């Protein structure tokens, strides 16, 4: 798949999650960083966005254990972005 098309699709998916909180955190992170993500990070983000919103919400709130592998790495990027939102 063409990476620019993948970036556009991922940005749309990240900014249209269905809740304001998810759109702000996930969509904000993706909008701010999509051009800097490597091919592997784009693929990991795609996998992450396939997860159900309740699971993602629980991970972001620390209500359930952090996933392993690329999902966990993507979550760490989102948590750092979320932390920066709260401190700005």
PDB file of N, CA and C in Angstrom:
ATOM      1  N   UNK A   1       0.845  -1.177   0.000  1.00  0.00           N
ATOM      2  CA  UNK A   1       0.000   0.000   0.000  1.00  0.00           C
ATOM      3  C   UNK A   1       0.888   1.237   0.000  1.00  0.00           C
ATOM      4  N   UNK A   2       0.472   2.225  -0.734  1.00  0.00           N
ATOM      5  CA  UNK A   2       1.174   3.497  -0.765  1.00  0.00           C
ATOM      6  C   UNK A   2       1.140   4.105   0.642  1.00  0.00           C
ATOM      7  N   UNK A   3       2.287   4.513   1.148  1.00  0.00           N
ATOM      8  CA  UNK A   3       2.384   5.003   2.525  1.00  0.00           C
ATOM      9  C   UNK A   3       1.630   6.318   2.736  1.00  0.00           C
ATOM     10  N   UNK A   4       1.549   7.169   1.735  1.00  0.00           N
ATOM     11  CA  UNK A   4       0.785   8.409   1.903  1.00  0.00           C
ATOM     12  C   UNK A   4      -0.700   8.116   2.040  1.00  0.00           C
ATOM     13  N   UNK A   5      -1.186   7.163   1.277  1.00  0.00           N
ATOM     14  CA  UNK A   5      -2.590   6.760   1.407  1.00  0.00           C
ATOM     15  C   UNK A   5      -2.819   6.154   2.787  1.00  0.00           C
ATOM     16  N   UNK A   6      -1.888   5.320   3.239  1.00  0.00           N
ATOM     17  CA  UNK A   6      -1.996   4.726   4.565  1.00  0.00           C
ATOM     18  C   UNK A   6      -2.020   5.820   5.640  1.00  0.00           C
ATOM     19  N   UNK A   7      -1.163   6.819   5.517  1.00  0.00           N
ATOM     20  CA  UNK A   7      -1.133   7.919   6.492  1.00  0.00           C
ATOM     21  C   UNK A   7      -2.481   8.650   6.529  1.00  0.00           C
ATOM     22  N   UNK A   8      -3.027   8.954   5.370  1.00  0.00           N
ATOM     23  CA  UNK A   8      -4.313   9.661   5.313  1.00  0.00           C
ATOM     24  C   UNK A   8      -5.422   8.826   5.943  1.00  0.00           C
ATOM     25  N   UNK A   9      -5.417   7.551   5.640  1.00  0.00           N
ATOM     26  CA  UNK A   9      -6.440   6.656   6.183  1.00  0.00           C
ATOM     27  C   UNK A   9      -6.308   6.544   7.703  1.00  0.00           C
ATOM     28  N   UNK A  10      -5.081   6.404   8.180  1.00  0.00           N
ATOM     29  CA  UNK A  10      -4.855   6.309   9.622  1.00  0.00           C
ATOM     30  C   UNK A  10      -5.233   7.602  10.337  1.00  0.00           C
ATOM     31  N   UNK A  11      -4.916   8.725   9.725  1.00  0.00           N
ATOM     32  CA  UNK A  11      -5.276  10.013  10.328  1.00  0.00           C
ATOM     33  C   UNK A  11      -6.795  10.127  10.435  1.00  0.00           C
ATOM     34  N   UNK A  12      -7.506   9.743   9.402  1.00  0.00           N
ATOM     35  CA  UNK A  12      -8.968   9.785   9.440  1.00  0.00           C
ATOM     36  C   UNK A  12      -9.495   8.874  10.542  1.00  0.00           C
ATOM     37  N   UNK A  13      -9.015   7.654  10.586  1.00  0.00           N
ATOM     38  CA  UNK A  13      -9.479   6.695  11.597  1.00  0.00           C
ATOM     39  C   UNK A  13      -9.185   7.184  13.011  1.00  0.00           C
ATOM     40  N   UNK A  14      -8.040   7.841  13.191  1.00  0.00           N
ATOM     41  CA  UNK A  14      -7.640   8.307  14.513  1.00  0.00           C
ATOM     42  C   UNK A  14      -8.461   9.512  14.966  1.00  0.00           C
ATOM     43  N   UNK A  15      -8.924  10.300  14.033  1.00  0.00           N
ATOM     44  CA  UNK A  15      -9.667  11.513  14.396  1.00  0.00           C
ATOM     45  C   UNK A  15     -11.178  11.314  14.379  1.00  0.00           C
ATOM     46  N   UNK A  16     -11.618  10.115  14.054  1.00  0.00           N
ATOM     47  CA  UNK A  16     -13.046   9.805  14.016  1.00  0.00           C
ATOM     48  C   UNK A  16     -13.323   8.526  14.807  1.00  0.00           C
ATOM     49  N   UNK A  17     -12.891   8.507  16.063  1.00  0.00           N
ATOM     50  CA  UNK A  17     -13.034   7.319  16.901  1.00  0.00           C
ATOM     51  C   UNK A  17     -14.440   7.181  17.477  1.00  0.00           C
ATOM     52  N   UNK A  18     -15.134   8.283  17.641  1.00  0.00           N
ATOM     53  CA  UNK A  18     -16.482   8.197  18.172  1.00  0.00           C
ATOM     54  C   UNK A  18     -16.662   8.870  19.522  1.00  0.00           C
ATOM     55  N   UNK A  19     -15.572   9.156  20.203  1.00  0.00           N
ATOM     56  CA  UNK A  19     -15.664   9.904  21.452  1.00  0.00           C
ATOM     57  C   UNK A  19     -14.708  11.088  21.380  1.00  0.00           C
ATOM     58  N   UNK A  20     -15.100  12.163  22.052  1.00  0.00           N
ATOM     59  CA  UNK A  20     -14.270  13.365  22.046  1.00  0.00           C
ATOM     60  C   UNK A  20     -12.896  13.085  22.648  1.00  0.00           C
ATOM     61  N   UNK A  21     -12.857  12.294  23.720  1.00  0.00           N
ATOM     62  CA  UNK A  21     -11.596  11.994  24.397  1.00  0.00           C
ATOM     63  C   UNK A  21     -10.644  11.227  23.477  1.00  0.00           C
ATOM     64  N   UNK A  22     -11.181  10.210  22.818  1.00  0.00           N
ATOM     65  CA  UNK A  22     -10.345   9.414  21.908  1.00  0.00           C
ATOM     66  C   UNK A  22      -9.883  10.247  20.730  1.00  0.00           C
ATOM     67  N   UNK A  23     -10.799  11.064  20.188  1.00  0.00           N
ATOM     68  CA  UNK A  23     -10.413  11.927  19.066  1.00  0.00           C
ATOM     69  C   UNK A  23      -9.311  12.895  19.481  1.00  0.00           C
ATOM     70  N   UNK A  24      -9.394  13.416  20.707  1.00  0.00           N
ATOM     71  CA  UNK A  24      -8.392  14.364  21.186  1.00  0.00           C
ATOM     72  C   UNK A  24      -7.044  13.697  21.403  1.00  0.00           C
ATOM     73  N   UNK A  25      -7.037  12.579  22.090  1.00  0.00           N
ATOM     74  CA  UNK A  25      -5.761  11.930  22.419  1.00  0.00           C
ATOM     75  C   UNK A  25      -5.184  11.198  21.214  1.00  0.00           C
ATOM     76  N   UNK A  26      -5.937  10.263  20.674  1.00  0.00           N
ATOM     77  CA  UNK A  26      -5.421   9.459  19.562  1.00  0.00           C
ATOM     78  C   UNK A  26      -5.289  10.316  18.309  1.00  0.00           C
ATOM     79  N   UNK A  27      -6.350  11.050  17.990  1.00  0.00           N
ATOM     80  CA  UNK A  27      -6.315  11.899  16.808  1.00  0.00           C
ATOM     81  C   UNK A  27      -5.265  12.984  16.894  1.00  0.00           C
ATOM     82  N   UNK A  28      -5.119  13.578  18.068  1.00  0.00           N
ATOM     83  CA  UNK A  28      -4.102  14.617  18.250  1.00  0.00           C
ATOM     84  C   UNK A  28      -2.703  14.074  18.067  1.00  0.00           C
ATOM     85  N   UNK A  29      -2.438  12.906  18.670  1.00  0.00           N
ATOM     86  CA  UNK A  29      -1.127  12.284  18.522  1.00  0.00           C
ATOM     87  C   UNK A  29      -0.836  11.974  17.055  1.00  0.00           C
ATOM     88  N   UNK A  30      -1.789  11.348  16.387  1.00  0.00           N
ATOM     89  CA  UNK A  30      -1.572  10.961  14.994  1.00  0.00           C
ATOM     90  C   UNK A  30      -1.396  12.193  14.110  1.00  0.00           C
ATOM     91  N   UNK A  31      -2.241  13.198  14.297  1.00  0.00           N
ATOM     92  CA  UNK A  31      -2.127  14.420  13.497  1.00  0.00           C
ATOM     93  C   UNK A  31      -0.755  15.065  13.673  1.00  0.00           C
ATOM     94  N   UNK A  32      -0.269  15.091  14.907  1.00  0.00           N
ATOM     95  CA  UNK A  32       1.010  15.735  15.196  1.00  0.00           C
ATOM     96  C   UNK A  32       2.216  14.926  14.725  1.00  0.00           C
ATOM     97  N   UNK A  33       2.073  13.590  14.627  1.00  0.00           N
ATOM     98  CA  UNK A  33       3.253  12.738  14.408  1.00  0.00           C
ATOM     99  C   UNK A  33       3.225  11.860  13.175  1.00  0.00           C
ATOM    100  N   UNK A  34       2.133  11.838  12.445  1.00  0.00           N
ATOM    101  CA  UNK A  34       1.970  10.870  11.352  1.00  0.00           C
ATOM    102  C   UNK A  34       3.089  10.931  10.315  1.00  0.00           C
ATOM    103  N   UNK A  35       3.575  12.112  10.014  1.00  0.00           N
ATOM    104  CA  UNK A  35       4.611  12.231   8.978  1.00  0.00           C
ATOM    105  C   UNK A  35       5.969  11.707   9.448  1.00  0.00           C
ATOM    106  N   UNK A  36       6.156  11.607  10.761  1.00  0.00           N
ATOM    107  CA  UNK A  36       7.438  11.159  11.308  1.00  0.00           C
ATOM    108  C   UNK A  36       7.483   9.673  11.626  1.00  0.00           C
ATOM    109  N   UNK A  37       6.355   8.971  11.483  1.00  0.00           N
ATOM    110  CA  UNK A  37       6.312   7.558  11.831  1.00  0.00           C
ATOM    111  C   UNK A  37       6.946   6.706  10.733  1.00  0.00           C
ATOM    112  N   UNK A  38       7.717   5.725  11.163  1.00  0.00           N
ATOM    113  CA  UNK A  38       8.343   4.790  10.224  1.00  0.00           C
ATOM    114  C   UNK A  38       7.280   3.843   9.671  1.00  0.00           C
ATOM    115  N   UNK A  39       7.649   3.074   8.680  1.00  0.00           N
ATOM    116  CA  UNK A  39       6.717   2.097   8.105  1.00  0.00           C
ATOM    117  C   UNK A  39       6.240   1.112   9.178  1.00  0.00           C
ATOM    118  N   UNK A  40       7.163   0.648  10.019  1.00  0.00           N
ATOM    119  CA  UNK A  40       6.786  -0.282  11.084  1.00  0.00           C
ATOM    120  C   UNK A  40       5.844   0.380  12.084  1.00  0.00           C
ATOM    121  N   UNK A  41       6.100   1.647  12.408  1.00  0.00           N
ATOM    122  CA  UNK A  41       5.228   2.365  13.336  1.00  0.00           C
ATOM    123  C   UNK A  41       3.847   2.593  12.732  1.00  0.00           C
ATOM    124  N   UNK A  42       3.787   2.854  11.435  1.00  0.00           N
ATOM    125  CA  UNK A  42       2.488   2.992  10.769  1.00  0.00           C
ATOM    126  C   UNK A  42       1.706   1.690  10.842  1.00  0.00           C
ATOM    127  N   UNK A  43       2.383   0.585  10.597  1.00  0.00           N
ATOM    128  CA  UNK A  43       1.717  -0.718  10.671  1.00  0.00           C
ATOM    129  C   UNK A  43       1.251  -1.016  12.092  1.00  0.00           C
ATOM    130  N   UNK A  44       2.079  -0.665  13.089  1.00  0.00           N
ATOM    131  CA  UNK A  44       1.696  -0.870  14.488  1.00  0.00           C
ATOM    132  C   UNK A  44       0.502   0.011  14.854  1.00  0.00           C
ATOM    133  N   UNK A  45       0.495   1.242  14.363  1.00  0.00           N
ATOM    134  CA  UNK A  45      -0.628   2.131  14.618  1.00  0.00           C
ATOM    135  C   UNK A  45      -1.905   1.569  14.005  1.00  0.00           C
ATOM    136  N   UNK A  46      -1.796   1.027  12.820  1.00  0.00           N
ATOM    137  CA  UNK A  46      -2.963   0.428  12.170  1.00  0.00           C
ATOM    138  C   UNK A  46      -3.527  -0.707  13.020  1.00  0.00           C
ATOM    139  N   UNK A  47      -2.656  -1.550  13.527  1.00  0.00           N
ATOM    140  CA  UNK A  47      -3.080  -2.648  14.400  1.00  0.00           C
ATOM    141  C   UNK A  47      -3.720  -2.100  15.671  1.00  0.00           C
ATOM    142  N   UNK A  48      -3.111  -1.051  16.236  1.00  0.00           N
ATOM    143  CA  UNK A  48      -3.637  -0.429  17.445  1.00  0.00           C
ATOM    144  C   UNK A  48      -5.044   0.116  17.210  1.00  0.00           C
ATOM    145  N   UNK A  49      -5.241   0.782  16.079  1.00  0.00           N
ATOM    146  CA  UNK A  49      -6.551   1.366  15.780  1.00  0.00           C
ATOM    147  C   UNK A  49      -7.617   0.316  15.511  1.00  0.00           C
ATOM    148  N   UNK A  50      -7.205  -0.915  15.245  1.00  0.00           N
ATOM    149  CA  UNK A  50      -8.161  -2.009  15.077  1.00  0.00           C
ATOM    150  C   UNK A  50      -8.714  -2.492  16.420  1.00  0.00           C
ATOM    151  N   UNK A  51      -8.083  -2.105  17.526  1.00  0.00           N
ATOM    152  CA  UNK A  51      -8.535  -2.526  18.852  1.00  0.00           C
ATOM    153  C   UNK A  51      -9.819  -1.790  19.225  1.00  0.00           C
ATOM    154  N   UNK A  52     -10.666  -2.439  20.001  1.00  0.00           N
ATOM    155  CA  UNK A  52     -11.907  -1.795  20.431  1.00  0.00           C
ATOM    156  C   UNK A  52     -11.630  -0.574  21.321  1.00  0.00           C
ATOM    157  N   UNK A  53     -12.449   0.448  21.184  1.00  0.00           N
ATOM    158  CA  UNK A  53     -12.283   1.665  21.978  1.00  0.00           C
ATOM    159  C   UNK A  53     -12.265   1.412  23.483  1.00  0.00           C
ATOM    160  N   UNK A  54     -13.114   0.523  24.018  1.00  0.00           N
ATOM    161  CA  UNK A  54     -13.045   0.289  25.466  1.00  0.00           C
ATOM    162  C   UNK A  54     -11.682  -0.245  25.919  1.00  0.00           C
ATOM    163  N   UNK A  55     -11.052  -1.095  25.112  1.00  0.00           N
ATOM    164  CA  UNK A  55      -9.721  -1.598  25.458  1.00  0.00           C
ATOM    165  C   UNK A  55      -8.704  -0.461  25.456  1.00  0.00           C
ATOM    166  N   UNK A  56      -8.744   0.363  24.415  1.00  0.00           N
ATOM    167  CA  UNK A  56      -7.806   1.485  24.314  1.00  0.00           C
ATOM    168  C   UNK A  56      -8.015   2.440  25.481  1.00  0.00           C
ATOM    169  N   UNK A  57      -9.254   2.731  25.798  1.00  0.00           N
ATOM    170  CA  UNK A  57      -9.555   3.620  26.920  1.00  0.00           C
ATOM    171  C   UNK A  57      -9.002   3.054  28.225  1.00  0.00           C
ATOM    172  N   UNK A  58      -9.208   1.767  28.455  1.00  0.00           N
ATOM    173  CA  UNK A  58      -8.681   1.134  29.668  1.00  0.00           C
ATOM    174  C   UNK A  58      -7.161   1.203  29.724  1.00  0.00           C
ATOM    175  N   UNK A  59      -6.499   0.994  28.601  1.00  0.00           N
ATOM    176  CA  UNK A  59      -5.033   1.082  28.572  1.00  0.00           C
ATOM    177  C   UNK A  59      -4.570   2.499  28.889  1.00  0.00           C
ATOM    178  N   UNK A  60      -5.239   3.488  28.271  1.00  0.00           N
ATOM    179  CA  UNK A  60      -4.847   4.884  28.485  1.00  0.00           C
ATOM    180  C   UNK A  60      -5.076   5.320  29.934  1.00  0.00           C
ATOM    181  N   UNK A  61      -6.106   4.794  30.579  1.00  0.00           N
ATOM    182  CA  UNK A  61      -6.397   5.148  31.963  1.00  0.00           C
ATOM    183  C   UNK A  61      -5.609   4.297  32.950  1.00  0.00           C
ATOM    184  N   UNK A  62      -4.952   3.256  32.462  1.00  0.00           N
ATOM    185  CA  UNK A  62      -4.225   2.358  33.348  1.00  0.00           C
ATOM    186  C   UNK A  62      -5.146   1.383  34.064  1.00  0.00           C
ATOM    187  N   UNK A  63      -6.357   1.220  33.556  1.00  0.00           N
ATOM    188  CA  UNK A  63      -7.337   0.331  34.175  1.00  0.00           C
ATOM    189  C   UNK A  63      -7.122  -1.136  33.808  1.00  0.00           C
ATOM    190  N   UNK A  64      -6.346  -1.387  32.794  1.00  0.00           N
ATOM    191  CA  UNK A  64      -6.000  -2.759  32.426  1.00  0.00           C
ATOM    192  C   UNK A  64      -4.526  -2.783  32.030  1.00  0.00           C
ATOM    193  N   UNK A  65      -3.919  -3.958  32.119  1.00  0.00           N
ATOM    194  CA  UNK A  65      -2.479  -4.056  31.825  1.00  0.00           C
ATOM    195  C   UNK A  65      -2.144  -3.600  30.408  1.00  0.00           C
ATOM    196  N   UNK A  66      -0.990  -2.993  30.298  1.00  0.00           N
ATOM    197  CA  UNK A  66      -0.496  -2.531  29.008  1.00  0.00           C
ATOM    198  C   UNK A  66      -0.263  -3.729  28.090  1.00  0.00           C
ATOM    199  N   UNK A  67      -0.684  -3.626  26.837  1.00  0.00           N
ATOM    200  CA  UNK A  67      -0.419  -4.724  25.906  1.00  0.00           C
ATOM    201  C   UNK A  67       1.076  -4.832  25.603  1.00  0.00           C
ATOM    202  N   UNK A  68       1.458  -5.972  25.109  1.00  0.00           N
ATOM    203  CA  UNK A  68       2.873  -6.202  24.788  1.00  0.00           C
ATOM    204  C   UNK A  68       3.143  -5.924  23.324  1.00  0.00           C
ATOM    205  N   UNK A  69       4.410  -5.913  22.974  1.00  0.00           N
ATOM    206  CA  UNK A  69       4.837  -5.775  21.593  1.00  0.00           C
ATOM    207  C   UNK A  69       4.542  -4.405  21.022  1.00  0.00           C
ATOM    208  N   UNK A  70       4.222  -4.378  19.738  1.00  0.00           N
ATOM    209  CA  UNK A  70       4.016  -3.112  19.041  1.00  0.00           C
ATOM    210  C   UNK A  70       2.814  -2.347  19.576  1.00  0.00           C
ATOM    211  N   UNK A  71       1.797  -3.064  20.084  1.00  0.00           N
ATOM    212  CA  UNK A  71       0.661  -2.366  20.685  1.00  0.00           C
ATOM    213  C   UNK A  71       1.093  -1.590  21.916  1.00  0.00           C
ATOM    214  N   UNK A  72       1.942  -2.202  22.727  1.00  0.00           N
ATOM    215  CA  UNK A  72       2.450  -1.536  23.916  1.00  0.00           C
ATOM    216  C   UNK A  72       3.321  -0.343  23.576  1.00  0.00           C
ATOM    217  N   UNK A  73       4.115  -0.468  22.541  1.00  0.00           N
ATOM    218  CA  UNK A  73       4.969   0.638  22.109  1.00  0.00           C
ATOM    219  C   UNK A  73       4.120   1.808  21.618  1.00  0.00           C
ATOM    220  N   UNK A  74       3.112   1.511  20.820  1.00  0.00           N
ATOM    221  CA  UNK A  74       2.210   2.561  20.344  1.00  0.00           C
ATOM    222  C   UNK A  74       1.505   3.217  21.522  1.00  0.00           C
ATOM    223  N   UNK A  75       1.076   2.420  22.483  1.00  0.00           N
ATOM    224  CA  UNK A  75       0.429   2.963  23.673  1.00  0.00           C
ATOM    225  C   UNK A  75       1.370   3.898  24.428  1.00  0.00           C
ATOM    226  N   UNK A  76       2.640   3.538  24.534  1.00  0.00           N
ATOM    227  CA  UNK A  76       3.603   4.400  25.228  1.00  0.00           C
ATOM    228  C   UNK A  76       3.712   5.766  24.549  1.00  0.00           C
ATOM    229  N   UNK A  77       3.710   5.786  23.229  1.00  0.00           N
ATOM    230  CA  UNK A  77       3.737   7.061  22.502  1.00  0.00           C
ATOM    231  C   UNK A  77       2.481   7.880  22.812  1.00  0.00           C
ATOM    232  N   UNK A  78       1.333   7.217  22.849  1.00  0.00           N
ATOM    233  CA  UNK A  78       0.075   7.909  23.149  1.00  0.00           C
ATOM    234  C   UNK A  78       0.055   8.420  24.590  1.00  0.00           C
ATOM    235  N   UNK A  79       0.571   7.631  25.516  1.00  0.00           N
ATOM    236  CA  UNK A  79       0.615   8.066  26.910  1.00  0.00           C
ATOM    237  C   UNK A  79       1.519   9.282  27.085  1.00  0.00           C
ATOM    238  N   UNK A  80       2.645   9.292  26.386  1.00  0.00           N
ATOM    239  CA  UNK A  80       3.544  10.450  26.449  1.00  0.00           C
ATOM    240  C   UNK A  80       2.861  11.677  25.863  1.00  0.00           C
ATOM    241  N   UNK A  81       2.154  11.505  24.767  1.00  0.00           N
ATOM    242  CA  UNK A  81       1.415  12.613  24.162  1.00  0.00           C
ATOM    243  C   UNK A  81       0.336  13.110  25.125  1.00  0.00           C
ATOM    244  N   UNK A  82      -0.396  12.182  25.743  1.00  0.00           N
ATOM    245  CA  UNK A  82      -1.445  12.537  26.694  1.00  0.00           C
ATOM    246  C   UNK A  82      -0.845  13.305  27.881  1.00  0.00           C
ATOM    247  N   UNK A  83       0.286  12.865  28.380  1.00  0.00           N
ATOM    248  CA  UNK A  83       0.931  13.523  29.507  1.00  0.00           C
ATOM    249  C   UNK A  83       1.310  14.965  29.126  1.00  0.00           C
ATOM    250  N   UNK A  84       1.816  15.137  27.912  1.00  0.00           N
ATOM    251  CA  UNK A  84       2.163  16.480  27.447  1.00  0.00           C
ATOM    252  C   UNK A  84       0.923  17.372  27.334  1.00  0.00           C
ATOM    253  N   UNK A  85      -0.207  16.799  26.932  1.00  0.00           N
ATOM    254  CA  UNK A  85      -1.448  17.572  26.867  1.00  0.00           C
ATOM    255  C   UNK A  85      -1.841  18.081  28.245  1.00  0.00           C
ATOM    256  N   UNK A  86      -1.642  17.246  29.247  1.00  0.00           N
ATOM    257  CA  UNK A  86      -2.054  17.595  30.600  1.00  0.00           C
ATOM    258  C   UNK A  86      -1.122  18.607  31.253  1.00  0.00           C
ATOM    259  N   UNK A  87       0.127  18.659  30.803  1.00  0.00           N
ATOM    260  CA  UNK A  87       1.090  19.569  31.433  1.00  0.00           C
ATOM    261  C   UNK A  87       1.211  20.888  30.693  1.00  0.00           C
ATOM    262  N   UNK A  88       0.650  20.971  29.508  1.00  0.00           N
ATOM    263  CA  UNK A  88       0.728  22.244  28.746  1.00  0.00           C
ATOM    264  C   UNK A  88      -0.343  23.213  29.148  1.00  0.00           C
TER     265      UNK A  88
END
